[in-house]
Every structure is written in C-alpha cells, then in structure tokens.
PDB file of all heavy atoms in Angstrom:
ATOM      1  N   GLY A   1       0.771  -1.223   0.045  1.00  0.00           N
ATOM      2  CA  GLY A   1       0.031  -0.022   0.057  1.00  0.00           C
ATOM      3  C   GLY A   1       0.952   1.309   0.002  1.00  0.00           C
ATOM      4  O   GLY A   1       2.032   1.215   0.383  1.00  0.00           O
ATOM      5  N   GLY A   2       0.306   2.403  -0.462  1.00  0.00           N
ATOM      6  CA  GLY A   2       0.936   3.627  -0.461  1.00  0.00           C
ATOM      7  C   GLY A   2       1.326   4.201  -1.740  1.00  0.00           C
ATOM      8  O   GLY A   2       2.517   4.239  -2.088  1.00  0.00           O
ATOM      9  N   ILE A   3       0.420   4.652  -2.571  1.00  0.00           N
ATOM     10  CA  ILE A   3       0.568   5.487  -3.711  1.00  0.00           C
ATOM     11  C   ILE A   3      -0.352   6.690  -3.792  1.00  0.00           C
ATOM     12  O   ILE A   3      -1.364   6.589  -2.998  1.00  0.00           O
ATOM     13  CB  ILE A   3       0.467   4.631  -5.054  1.00  0.00           C
ATOM     14  CG1 ILE A   3      -1.004   4.065  -5.151  1.00  0.00           C
ATOM     15  CG2 ILE A   3       1.545   3.523  -5.141  1.00  0.00           C
ATOM     16  CD1 ILE A   3      -1.248   3.356  -6.525  1.00  0.00           C
ATOM     17  N   ALA A   4      -0.046   7.716  -4.411  1.00  0.00           N
ATOM     18  CA  ALA A   4      -0.818   8.860  -4.435  1.00  0.00           C
ATOM     19  C   ALA A   4      -1.172   9.312  -5.914  1.00  0.00           C
ATOM     20  O   ALA A   4      -0.232   9.379  -6.736  1.00  0.00           O
ATOM     21  CB  ALA A   4      -0.050   9.999  -3.707  1.00  0.00           C
ATOM     22  N   ILE A   5      -2.458   9.601  -6.055  1.00  0.00           N
ATOM     23  CA  ILE A   5      -2.912   9.878  -7.400  1.00  0.00           C
ATOM     24  C   ILE A   5      -2.241  11.210  -7.951  1.00  0.00           C
ATOM     25  O   ILE A   5      -2.003  11.320  -9.155  1.00  0.00           O
ATOM     26  CB  ILE A   5      -4.417  10.004  -7.461  1.00  0.00           C
ATOM     27  CG1 ILE A   5      -4.897  10.237  -8.859  1.00  0.00           C
ATOM     28  CG2 ILE A   5      -4.969  11.071  -6.593  1.00  0.00           C
ATOM     29  CD1 ILE A   5      -4.567   9.130  -9.826  1.00  0.00           C
ATOM     30  N   HIS A   6      -2.094  12.164  -6.992  1.00  0.00           N
ATOM     31  CA  HIS A   6      -1.408  13.357  -7.477  1.00  0.00           C
ATOM     32  C   HIS A   6      -0.079  13.135  -7.959  1.00  0.00           C
ATOM     33  O   HIS A   6       0.408  13.786  -8.941  1.00  0.00           O
ATOM     34  CB  HIS A   6      -1.358  14.405  -6.301  1.00  0.00           C
ATOM     35  CG  HIS A   6      -2.589  15.291  -6.059  1.00  0.00           C
ATOM     36  ND1 HIS A   6      -3.117  15.494  -4.894  1.00  0.00           N
ATOM     37  CD2 HIS A   6      -3.319  15.849  -7.076  1.00  0.00           C
ATOM     38  CE1 HIS A   6      -4.204  16.253  -5.091  1.00  0.00           C
ATOM     39  NE2 HIS A   6      -4.385  16.471  -6.360  1.00  0.00           N
ATOM     40  N   GLY A   7       0.688  12.243  -7.295  1.00  0.00           N
ATOM     41  CA  GLY A   7       2.086  11.874  -7.793  1.00  0.00           C
ATOM     42  C   GLY A   7       1.956  11.257  -9.174  1.00  0.00           C
ATOM     43  O   GLY A   7       2.843  11.510 -10.012  1.00  0.00           O
ATOM     44  N   ALA A   8       1.016  10.392  -9.356  1.00  0.00           N
ATOM     45  CA  ALA A   8       0.845   9.661 -10.747  1.00  0.00           C
ATOM     46  C   ALA A   8       0.443  10.814 -11.793  1.00  0.00           C
ATOM     47  O   ALA A   8       1.051  10.702 -12.944  1.00  0.00           O
ATOM     48  CB  ALA A   8      -0.354   8.730 -10.614  1.00  0.00           C
ATOM     49  N   VAL A   9      -0.320  11.674 -11.582  1.00  0.00           N
ATOM     50  CA  VAL A   9      -0.644  12.674 -12.409  1.00  0.00           C
ATOM     51  C   VAL A   9       0.516  13.640 -12.809  1.00  0.00           C
ATOM     52  O   VAL A   9       0.715  13.865 -13.993  1.00  0.00           O
ATOM     53  CB  VAL A   9      -1.891  13.565 -12.027  1.00  0.00           C
ATOM     54  CG1 VAL A   9      -2.076  14.807 -12.918  1.00  0.00           C
ATOM     55  CG2 VAL A   9      -3.153  12.753 -11.888  1.00  0.00           C
ATOM     56  N   ILE A  10       1.261  14.004 -11.761  1.00  0.00           N
ATOM     57  CA  ILE A  10       2.565  14.793 -12.031  1.00  0.00           C
ATOM     58  C   ILE A  10       3.471  13.968 -12.869  1.00  0.00           C
ATOM     59  O   ILE A  10       4.045  14.608 -13.887  1.00  0.00           O
ATOM     60  CB  ILE A  10       3.181  15.124 -10.663  1.00  0.00           C
ATOM     61  CG1 ILE A  10       2.288  16.151  -9.890  1.00  0.00           C
ATOM     62  CG2 ILE A  10       4.597  15.787 -10.838  1.00  0.00           C
ATOM     63  CD1 ILE A  10       2.702  16.331  -8.546  1.00  0.00           C
ATOM     64  N   GLY A  11       3.633  12.732 -12.625  1.00  0.00           N
ATOM     65  CA  GLY A  11       4.554  11.903 -13.417  1.00  0.00           C
ATOM     66  C   GLY A  11       4.024  11.818 -14.843  1.00  0.00           C
ATOM     67  O   GLY A  11       4.836  11.830 -15.798  1.00  0.00           O
ATOM     68  N   GLY A  12       2.646  11.530 -14.968  1.00  0.00           N
ATOM     69  CA  GLY A  12       2.072  11.515 -16.349  1.00  0.00           C
ATOM     70  C   GLY A  12       2.314  12.728 -17.186  1.00  0.00           C
ATOM     71  O   GLY A  12       2.596  12.687 -18.369  1.00  0.00           O
ATOM     72  N   VAL A  13       2.148  13.951 -16.509  1.00  0.00           N
ATOM     73  CA  VAL A  13       2.218  15.216 -17.186  1.00  0.00           C
ATOM     74  C   VAL A  13       3.703  15.443 -17.652  1.00  0.00           C
ATOM     75  O   VAL A  13       3.826  15.830 -18.821  1.00  0.00           O
ATOM     76  CB  VAL A  13       1.775  16.357 -16.338  1.00  0.00           C
ATOM     77  CG1 VAL A  13       2.090  17.693 -16.964  1.00  0.00           C
ATOM     78  CG2 VAL A  13       0.240  16.311 -16.126  1.00  0.00           C
ATOM     79  N   LEU A  14       4.615  15.168 -16.762  1.00  0.00           N
ATOM     80  CA  LEU A  14       6.074  15.247 -17.115  1.00  0.00           C
ATOM     81  C   LEU A  14       6.348  14.384 -18.340  1.00  0.00           C
ATOM     82  O   LEU A  14       7.158  14.820 -19.242  1.00  0.00           O
ATOM     83  CB  LEU A  14       6.960  14.997 -15.837  1.00  0.00           C
ATOM     84  CG  LEU A  14       6.820  16.019 -14.700  1.00  0.00           C
ATOM     85  CD1 LEU A  14       7.651  15.601 -13.608  1.00  0.00           C
ATOM     86  CD2 LEU A  14       7.253  17.418 -15.265  1.00  0.00           C
ATOM     87  N   THR A  15       5.904  13.175 -18.219  1.00  0.00           N
ATOM     88  CA  THR A  15       6.173  12.230 -19.371  1.00  0.00           C
ATOM     89  C   THR A  15       5.516  12.747 -20.634  1.00  0.00           C
ATOM     90  O   THR A  15       6.230  12.626 -21.715  1.00  0.00           O
ATOM     91  CB  THR A  15       5.496  10.828 -18.997  1.00  0.00           C
ATOM     92  OG1 THR A  15       5.969  10.288 -17.811  1.00  0.00           O
ATOM     93  CG2 THR A  15       5.813   9.807 -20.162  1.00  0.00           C
ATOM     94  N   ALA A  16       4.341  13.374 -20.554  1.00  0.00           N
ATOM     95  CA  ALA A  16       3.748  13.917 -21.780  1.00  0.00           C
ATOM     96  C   ALA A  16       4.477  15.029 -22.372  1.00  0.00           C
ATOM     97  O   ALA A  16       4.607  15.174 -23.526  1.00  0.00           O
ATOM     98  CB  ALA A  16       2.274  14.339 -21.444  1.00  0.00           C
ATOM     99  N   ILE A  17       5.042  15.834 -21.569  1.00  0.00           N
ATOM    100  CA  ILE A  17       5.828  17.017 -21.988  1.00  0.00           C
ATOM    101  C   ILE A  17       7.094  16.515 -22.814  1.00  0.00           C
ATOM    102  O   ILE A  17       7.356  17.010 -23.860  1.00  0.00           O
ATOM    103  CB  ILE A  17       6.250  17.829 -20.710  1.00  0.00           C
ATOM    104  CG1 ILE A  17       5.070  18.673 -20.196  1.00  0.00           C
ATOM    105  CG2 ILE A  17       7.361  18.892 -21.253  1.00  0.00           C
ATOM    106  CD1 ILE A  17       5.325  19.323 -18.900  1.00  0.00           C
ATOM    107  N   VAL A  18       7.786  15.482 -22.224  1.00  0.00           N
ATOM    108  CA  VAL A  18       8.969  14.928 -22.893  1.00  0.00           C
ATOM    109  C   VAL A  18       8.577  14.199 -24.169  1.00  0.00           C
ATOM    110  O   VAL A  18       9.109  14.419 -25.194  1.00  0.00           O
ATOM    111  CB  VAL A  18       9.790  14.080 -21.932  1.00  0.00           C
ATOM    112  CG1 VAL A  18      10.888  13.392 -22.673  1.00  0.00           C
ATOM    113  CG2 VAL A  18      10.324  14.859 -20.744  1.00  0.00           C
ATOM    114  N   PHE A  19       7.500  13.418 -24.003  1.00  0.00           N
ATOM    115  CA  PHE A  19       7.061  12.602 -25.164  1.00  0.00           C
ATOM    116  C   PHE A  19       6.736  13.481 -26.359  1.00  0.00           C
ATOM    117  O   PHE A  19       6.971  13.250 -27.472  1.00  0.00           O
ATOM    118  CB  PHE A  19       5.891  11.720 -24.664  1.00  0.00           C
ATOM    119  CG  PHE A  19       5.246  10.958 -25.819  1.00  0.00           C
ATOM    120  CD1 PHE A  19       5.836   9.648 -26.078  1.00  0.00           C
ATOM    121  CD2 PHE A  19       4.168  11.325 -26.410  1.00  0.00           C
ATOM    122  CE1 PHE A  19       5.357   8.829 -27.128  1.00  0.00           C
ATOM    123  CE2 PHE A  19       3.551  10.554 -27.439  1.00  0.00           C
ATOM    124  CZ  PHE A  19       4.176   9.297 -27.793  1.00  0.00           C
ATOM    125  N   THR A  20       5.852  14.516 -26.157  1.00  0.00           N
ATOM    126  CA  THR A  20       5.451  15.409 -27.172  1.00  0.00           C
ATOM    127  C   THR A  20       6.563  16.199 -27.835  1.00  0.00           C
ATOM    128  O   THR A  20       6.566  16.556 -29.006  1.00  0.00           O
ATOM    129  CB  THR A  20       4.308  16.428 -26.714  1.00  0.00           C
ATOM    130  OG1 THR A  20       4.768  17.089 -25.526  1.00  0.00           O
ATOM    131  CG2 THR A  20       3.063  15.590 -26.330  1.00  0.00           C
ATOM    132  N   LYS A  21       7.553  16.422 -27.021  1.00  0.00           N
ATOM    133  CA  LYS A  21       8.774  17.185 -27.502  1.00  0.00           C
ATOM    134  C   LYS A  21       9.540  16.321 -28.373  1.00  0.00           C
ATOM    135  O   LYS A  21       9.943  16.673 -29.524  1.00  0.00           O
ATOM    136  CB  LYS A  21       9.712  17.648 -26.388  1.00  0.00           C
ATOM    137  CG  LYS A  21       9.193  18.764 -25.511  1.00  0.00           C
ATOM    138  CD  LYS A  21       9.233  20.051 -26.289  1.00  0.00           C
ATOM    139  CE  LYS A  21       8.879  21.259 -25.500  1.00  0.00           C
ATOM    140  NZ  LYS A  21       8.960  22.536 -26.123  1.00  0.00           N
ATOM    141  N   VAL A  22       9.696  15.038 -28.000  1.00  0.00           N
ATOM    142  CA  VAL A  22      10.378  14.118 -28.937  1.00  0.00           C
ATOM    143  C   VAL A  22       9.628  13.693 -30.201  1.00  0.00           C
ATOM    144  O   VAL A  22      10.266  13.655 -31.228  1.00  0.00           O
ATOM    145  CB  VAL A  22      10.689  12.745 -28.108  1.00  0.00           C
ATOM    146  CG1 VAL A  22      11.277  11.689 -28.982  1.00  0.00           C
ATOM    147  CG2 VAL A  22      11.609  13.056 -26.934  1.00  0.00           C
ATOM    148  N   LYS A  23       8.406  13.575 -30.059  1.00  0.00           N
ATOM    149  CA  LYS A  23       7.501  13.109 -31.200  1.00  0.00           C
ATOM    150  C   LYS A  23       7.189  14.420 -32.007  1.00  0.00           C
ATOM    151  O   LYS A  23       6.467  14.228 -33.060  1.00  0.00           O
ATOM    152  CB  LYS A  23       6.278  12.558 -30.684  1.00  0.00           C
ATOM    153  CG  LYS A  23       6.364  11.201 -30.096  1.00  0.00           C
ATOM    154  CD  LYS A  23       6.740  10.178 -31.126  1.00  0.00           C
ATOM    155  CE  LYS A  23       6.835   8.718 -30.519  1.00  0.00           C
ATOM    156  NZ  LYS A  23       6.968   7.645 -31.550  1.00  0.00           N
ATOM    157  N   LYS A  24       7.452  15.579 -31.561  1.00  0.00           N
ATOM    158  CA  LYS A  24       7.114  16.831 -32.235  1.00  0.00           C
ATOM    159  C   LYS A  24       5.712  17.020 -32.549  1.00  0.00           C
ATOM    160  O   LYS A  24       5.198  17.291 -33.558  1.00  0.00           O
ATOM    161  CB  LYS A  24       7.970  16.887 -33.536  1.00  0.00           C
ATOM    162  CG  LYS A  24       9.456  17.038 -33.331  1.00  0.00           C
ATOM    163  CD  LYS A  24      10.114  17.105 -34.587  1.00  0.00           C
ATOM    164  CE  LYS A  24      11.632  17.205 -34.310  1.00  0.00           C
ATOM    165  NZ  LYS A  24      12.471  17.201 -35.476  1.00  0.00           N
ATOM    166  N   ILE A  25       4.853  16.749 -31.437  1.00  0.00           N
ATOM    167  CA  ILE A  25       3.383  17.071 -31.483  1.00  0.00           C
ATOM    168  C   ILE A  25       3.050  17.888 -30.336  1.00  0.00           C
ATOM    169  O   ILE A  25       3.769  18.133 -29.474  1.00  0.00           O
ATOM    170  CB  ILE A  25       2.601  15.700 -31.489  1.00  0.00           C
ATOM    171  CG1 ILE A  25       2.915  14.939 -30.100  1.00  0.00           C
ATOM    172  CG2 ILE A  25       2.907  14.777 -32.611  1.00  0.00           C
ATOM    173  CD1 ILE A  25       2.091  13.703 -29.931  1.00  0.00           C
ATOM    174  N   SER A  26       1.735  18.321 -30.463  1.00  0.00           N
ATOM    175  CA  SER A  26       1.285  19.365 -29.456  1.00  0.00           C
ATOM    176  C   SER A  26       0.989  18.679 -28.144  1.00  0.00           C
ATOM    177  O   SER A  26       0.337  17.733 -28.026  1.00  0.00           O
ATOM    178  CB  SER A  26       0.088  20.117 -29.944  1.00  0.00           C
ATOM    179  OG  SER A  26      -0.518  20.814 -28.860  1.00  0.00           O
ATOM    180  N   PHE A  27       1.730  19.197 -27.031  1.00  0.00           N
ATOM    181  CA  PHE A  27       1.293  18.601 -25.742  1.00  0.00           C
ATOM    182  C   PHE A  27      -0.133  18.885 -25.391  1.00  0.00           C
ATOM    183  O   PHE A  27      -0.856  17.936 -24.903  1.00  0.00           O
ATOM    184  CB  PHE A  27       2.166  19.365 -24.576  1.00  0.00           C
ATOM    185  CG  PHE A  27       1.588  19.154 -23.192  1.00  0.00           C
ATOM    186  CD1 PHE A  27       1.937  18.056 -22.586  1.00  0.00           C
ATOM    187  CD2 PHE A  27       0.797  20.188 -22.589  1.00  0.00           C
ATOM    188  CE1 PHE A  27       1.369  17.866 -21.306  1.00  0.00           C
ATOM    189  CE2 PHE A  27       0.367  19.961 -21.388  1.00  0.00           C
ATOM    190  CZ  PHE A  27       0.621  18.729 -20.635  1.00  0.00           C
ATOM    191  N   TRP A  28      -0.725  20.067 -25.738  1.00  0.00           N
ATOM    192  CA  TRP A  28      -2.130  20.333 -25.362  1.00  0.00           C
ATOM    193  C   TRP A  28      -3.066  19.415 -26.150  1.00  0.00           C
ATOM    194  O   TRP A  28      -4.090  18.994 -25.677  1.00  0.00           O
ATOM    195  CB  TRP A  28      -2.409  21.789 -25.658  1.00  0.00           C
ATOM    196  CG  TRP A  28      -1.554  22.712 -24.751  1.00  0.00           C
ATOM    197  CD1 TRP A  28      -0.440  23.460 -25.177  1.00  0.00           C
ATOM    198  CD2 TRP A  28      -1.693  22.902 -23.427  1.00  0.00           C
ATOM    199  NE1 TRP A  28      -0.060  24.171 -24.149  1.00  0.00           N
ATOM    200  CE2 TRP A  28      -0.664  23.858 -23.040  1.00  0.00           C
ATOM    201  CE3 TRP A  28      -2.597  22.357 -22.488  1.00  0.00           C
ATOM    202  CZ2 TRP A  28      -0.572  24.295 -21.742  1.00  0.00           C
ATOM    203  CZ3 TRP A  28      -2.477  22.773 -21.072  1.00  0.00           C
ATOM    204  CH2 TRP A  28      -1.506  23.772 -20.835  1.00  0.00           C
ATOM    205  N   ARG A  29      -2.674  19.056 -27.384  1.00  0.00           N
ATOM    206  CA  ARG A  29      -3.491  18.156 -28.226  1.00  0.00           C
ATOM    207  C   ARG A  29      -3.612  16.758 -27.622  1.00  0.00           C
ATOM    208  O   ARG A  29      -4.695  16.289 -27.475  1.00  0.00           O
ATOM    209  CB  ARG A  29      -2.954  18.122 -29.607  1.00  0.00           C
ATOM    210  CG  ARG A  29      -3.885  17.468 -30.612  1.00  0.00           C
ATOM    211  CD  ARG A  29      -3.486  17.877 -32.074  1.00  0.00           C
ATOM    212  NE  ARG A  29      -4.379  17.287 -33.020  1.00  0.00           N
ATOM    213  CZ  ARG A  29      -4.300  16.265 -33.806  1.00  0.00           C
ATOM    214  NH1 ARG A  29      -3.049  15.696 -33.878  1.00  0.00           N
ATOM    215  NH2 ARG A  29      -5.171  15.959 -34.618  1.00  0.00           N
ATOM    216  N   LEU A  30      -2.482  16.307 -27.259  1.00  0.00           N
ATOM    217  CA  LEU A  30      -2.435  14.993 -26.568  1.00  0.00           C
ATOM    218  C   LEU A  30      -3.195  15.051 -25.171  1.00  0.00           C
ATOM    219  O   LEU A  30      -3.900  14.063 -24.862  1.00  0.00           O
ATOM    220  CB  LEU A  30      -0.993  14.524 -26.299  1.00  0.00           C
ATOM    221  CG  LEU A  30      -0.761  13.238 -25.482  1.00  0.00           C
ATOM    222  CD1 LEU A  30      -1.306  12.068 -26.407  1.00  0.00           C
ATOM    223  CD2 LEU A  30       0.670  13.015 -25.175  1.00  0.00           C
ATOM    224  N   ALA A  31      -2.899  16.048 -24.309  1.00  0.00           N
ATOM    225  CA  ALA A  31      -3.552  16.232 -23.094  1.00  0.00           C
ATOM    226  C   ALA A  31      -5.028  16.287 -23.157  1.00  0.00           C
ATOM    227  O   ALA A  31      -5.846  15.671 -22.405  1.00  0.00           O
ATOM    228  CB  ALA A  31      -3.019  17.464 -22.381  1.00  0.00           C
ATOM    229  N   ASP A  32      -5.529  17.046 -24.200  1.00  0.00           N
ATOM    230  CA  ASP A  32      -6.988  17.103 -24.351  1.00  0.00           C
ATOM    231  C   ASP A  32      -7.672  15.817 -24.653  1.00  0.00           C
ATOM    232  O   ASP A  32      -8.744  15.602 -24.133  1.00  0.00           O
ATOM    233  CB  ASP A  32      -7.273  18.074 -25.499  1.00  0.00           C
ATOM    234  CG  ASP A  32      -7.249  19.603 -24.990  1.00  0.00           C
ATOM    235  OD1 ASP A  32      -7.191  19.858 -23.853  1.00  0.00           O
ATOM    236  OD2 ASP A  32      -7.214  20.511 -25.896  1.00  0.00           O
ATOM    237  N   VAL A  33      -6.922  15.012 -25.537  1.00  0.00           N
ATOM    238  CA  VAL A  33      -7.548  13.761 -25.819  1.00  0.00           C
ATOM    239  C   VAL A  33      -7.541  12.835 -24.665  1.00  0.00           C
ATOM    240  O   VAL A  33      -8.571  12.036 -24.409  1.00  0.00           O
ATOM    241  CB  VAL A  33      -6.780  13.093 -27.008  1.00  0.00           C
ATOM    242  CG1 VAL A  33      -7.107  11.705 -27.231  1.00  0.00           C
ATOM    243  CG2 VAL A  33      -6.955  13.934 -28.325  1.00  0.00           C
ATOM    244  N   ILE A  34      -6.623  12.854 -23.750  1.00  0.00           N
ATOM    245  CA  ILE A  34      -6.351  11.887 -22.759  1.00  0.00           C
ATOM    246  C   ILE A  34      -7.224  12.206 -21.478  1.00  0.00           C
ATOM    247  O   ILE A  34      -7.626  11.437 -20.721  1.00  0.00           O
ATOM    248  CB  ILE A  34      -4.903  11.696 -22.382  1.00  0.00           C
ATOM    249  CG1 ILE A  34      -4.178  11.013 -23.421  1.00  0.00           C
ATOM    250  CG2 ILE A  34      -4.730  10.986 -21.005  1.00  0.00           C
ATOM    251  CD1 ILE A  34      -2.726  10.907 -23.241  1.00  0.00           C
ATOM    252  N   ALA A  35      -7.491  13.515 -21.275  1.00  0.00           N
ATOM    253  CA  ALA A  35      -8.101  14.057 -20.047  1.00  0.00           C
ATOM    254  C   ALA A  35      -9.439  13.354 -19.648  1.00  0.00           C
ATOM    255  O   ALA A  35      -9.570  12.753 -18.492  1.00  0.00           O
ATOM    256  CB  ALA A  35      -8.382  15.550 -20.116  1.00  0.00           C
TER     257      ALA A  35
END
C-alpha cells in the first residue's frame, strides 16, 4: 500500500511534456484527448 494519485498525475504530465517534444506533436492536443 501507499501510492498517491497526485504523484501519478504529475509523473504522467512530465512524461507527456517529454514525449510530445520528442514526437514533435502538441502537448495540449495529446492532453485534451487523454483528459
């Protein structure tokens, strides 16, 4: 036991920032689809 959803969301957002930079796509576009 012992995980926190806020930590998971922060990790997911940071991953999305790096991922979209590498893939050269819009972070906001990906985030809107996934939200």
